[in-house]
Amino acid sequence: MKIKEIWFTNDYIYGRDETGREYSQSLLWYPKLRAANANERAKYTFGFDGIHWRALDEDISFESFTYEDSEPTALQRYFLTHRDINVSSFAKSIGMDSGLLNKYINGFAKPTAECEKTILAHLIS
């Protein structure tokens, strides 16, 4: 799959592949693109396997448009929108391994529903 066209809304990047199929990803995964203005977002190049914004030092692979987690979970969304939270300190305060919490936040592991509920309860308390 190769994205041939992209466009943005405030919260998403959209792409269309060579067959006309459309994909989207949350810009929460790409804070530099999220903060960029329209002119900065327009200065990209298509590469062999992705899209590159040289001035922003940002890359998005074509493959990432097909990932199941293109939309962050509630847990991921919270940490991605509250970047000032010290993940290690928070994890320690609830008795959790900080490496595991980072895996949950970045989508490399998936918490059980009960575990996610417990983490979110500590965040909003």
Protein backbone atom coordinates (compact mmCIF):
# COMPACT_ATOMS: atom_id res chain seq x y z
CA MET A 1 0.00 0.00 0.00
CA LYS A 2 1.28 3.45 -0.89
CA ILE A 3 -0.38 6.72 0.06
CA LYS A 4 -0.64 9.05 -2.93
CA GLU A 5 -2.48 12.02 -1.38
CA ILE A 6 -2.74 13.50 2.12
CA TRP A 7 -4.78 16.20 3.84
CA PHE A 8 -5.37 17.40 7.37
CA THR A 9 -8.07 18.48 9.77
CA ASN A 10 -7.27 19.90 13.20
CA ASP A 11 -7.01 16.46 14.77
CA TYR A 12 -6.27 14.01 11.94
CA ILE A 13 -4.09 13.30 8.96
CA TYR A 14 -5.87 11.56 6.11
CA GLY A 15 -4.40 9.62 3.24
CA ARG A 16 -5.66 8.10 0.02
CA ASP A 17 -3.88 5.15 -1.57
CA GLU A 18 -3.49 4.21 -5.22
CA THR A 19 -6.83 2.35 -5.19
CA GLY A 20 -8.74 5.33 -3.78
CA ARG A 21 -9.13 3.88 -0.28
CA GLU A 22 -8.98 6.48 2.48
CA TYR A 23 -7.22 6.14 5.83
CA SER A 24 -6.81 8.36 8.85
CA GLN A 25 -4.61 8.70 11.90
CA SER A 26 -4.87 10.87 14.96
CA LEU A 27 -2.36 13.71 15.05
CA LEU A 28 -1.90 12.95 18.75
CA TRP A 29 0.66 10.37 17.58
CA TYR A 30 2.58 13.15 15.79
CA PRO A 31 2.91 16.19 18.09
CA LYS A 32 5.15 18.10 15.66
CA LEU A 33 2.57 17.80 12.88
CA ARG A 34 -0.24 18.59 15.29
CA ALA A 35 1.45 21.84 16.32
CA ALA A 36 2.49 22.75 12.76
CA ASN A 37 0.67 25.35 10.71
CA ALA A 38 -0.76 24.69 7.25
CA ASN A 39 2.38 25.93 5.46
CA GLU A 40 4.63 23.65 7.53
CA ARG A 41 2.33 20.68 6.96
CA ALA A 42 2.34 21.32 3.21
CA LYS A 43 6.13 20.94 2.95
CA TYR A 44 6.43 17.16 2.71
CA THR A 45 7.84 14.61 0.33
CA PHE A 46 6.71 11.10 -0.48
CA GLY A 47 9.44 8.52 -0.08
CA PHE A 48 9.67 4.84 -0.89
CA ASP A 49 7.83 3.77 2.27
CA GLY A 50 6.44 6.93 3.83
CA ILE A 51 6.00 10.67 4.08
CA HIS A 52 8.71 13.02 5.35
CA TRP A 53 8.57 16.59 6.69
CA ARG A 54 12.19 17.68 6.68
CA ALA A 55 11.70 21.03 8.46
CA LEU A 56 9.66 19.32 11.20
CA ASP A 57 11.92 16.23 11.37
CA GLU A 58 8.81 14.04 11.19
CA ASP A 59 8.12 10.84 9.29
CA ILE A 60 4.98 8.74 8.86
CA SER A 61 5.20 5.33 7.24
CA PHE A 62 2.57 4.31 4.72
CA GLU A 63 2.08 1.13 6.74
CA SER A 64 1.08 3.10 9.86
CA PHE A 65 -2.11 4.21 8.14
CA THR A 66 -3.30 0.60 8.35
CA TYR A 67 -2.51 0.05 12.04
CA GLU A 68 -5.41 -0.90 14.28
CA ASP A 69 -4.43 1.79 16.79
CA SER A 70 -4.64 4.79 14.46
CA GLU A 71 -6.98 6.27 17.08
CA PRO A 72 -5.50 6.41 20.62
CA THR A 73 -7.31 4.65 23.45
CA ALA A 74 -8.58 6.74 26.38
CA LEU A 75 -5.41 5.90 28.31
CA GLN A 76 -3.14 6.83 25.42
CA ARG A 77 -5.13 9.98 24.68
CA TYR A 78 -4.75 11.16 28.27
CA PHE A 79 -0.97 10.79 28.31
CA LEU A 80 -0.56 12.15 24.76
CA THR A 81 -2.49 15.30 25.70
CA HIS A 82 -0.84 15.69 29.11
CA ARG A 83 2.83 15.45 28.16
CA ASP A 84 3.82 17.21 31.37
CA ILE A 85 3.01 14.07 33.40
CA ASN A 86 6.13 12.24 34.51
CA VAL A 87 5.22 8.70 33.49
CA SER A 88 7.87 7.08 35.72
CA SER A 89 6.72 8.97 38.81
CA PHE A 90 3.07 8.28 38.07
CA ALA A 91 3.74 4.57 37.53
CA LYS A 92 5.67 4.38 40.80
CA SER A 93 2.84 6.12 42.66
CA ILE A 94 0.37 3.41 41.61
CA GLY A 95 2.79 0.50 42.02
CA MET A 96 3.24 -0.19 38.31
CA ASP A 97 6.36 -0.82 36.28
CA SER A 98 7.08 2.37 34.31
CA GLY A 99 8.35 0.38 31.32
CA LEU A 100 5.05 -1.45 31.08
CA LEU A 101 3.07 1.77 31.36
CA ASN A 102 5.17 3.29 28.58
CA LYS A 103 4.38 0.25 26.43
CA TYR A 104 0.67 0.81 27.07
CA ILE A 105 0.96 4.50 26.18
CA ASN A 106 2.91 3.88 22.99
CA GLY A 107 0.81 0.93 21.81
CA PHE A 108 3.47 -1.77 22.17
CA ALA A 109 1.35 -3.62 24.73
CA LYS A 110 -2.33 -3.55 25.53
CA PRO A 111 -3.61 -3.41 29.10
CA THR A 112 -6.59 -5.46 30.16
CA ALA A 113 -9.80 -3.48 30.44
CA GLU A 114 -9.56 -3.69 34.24
CA CYS A 115 -5.96 -2.48 34.25
CA GLU A 116 -6.78 0.46 31.96
CA LYS A 117 -9.75 1.35 34.15
CA THR A 118 -7.52 1.34 37.26
CA ILE A 119 -4.89 3.55 35.62
CA LEU A 120 -7.49 6.04 34.38
CA ALA A 121 -9.12 6.13 37.83
CA HIS A 122 -5.79 7.17 39.34
CA LEU A 123 -5.30 9.82 36.69
CA ILE A 124 -8.60 11.56 37.26
CA SER A 125 -8.60 11.30 41.05
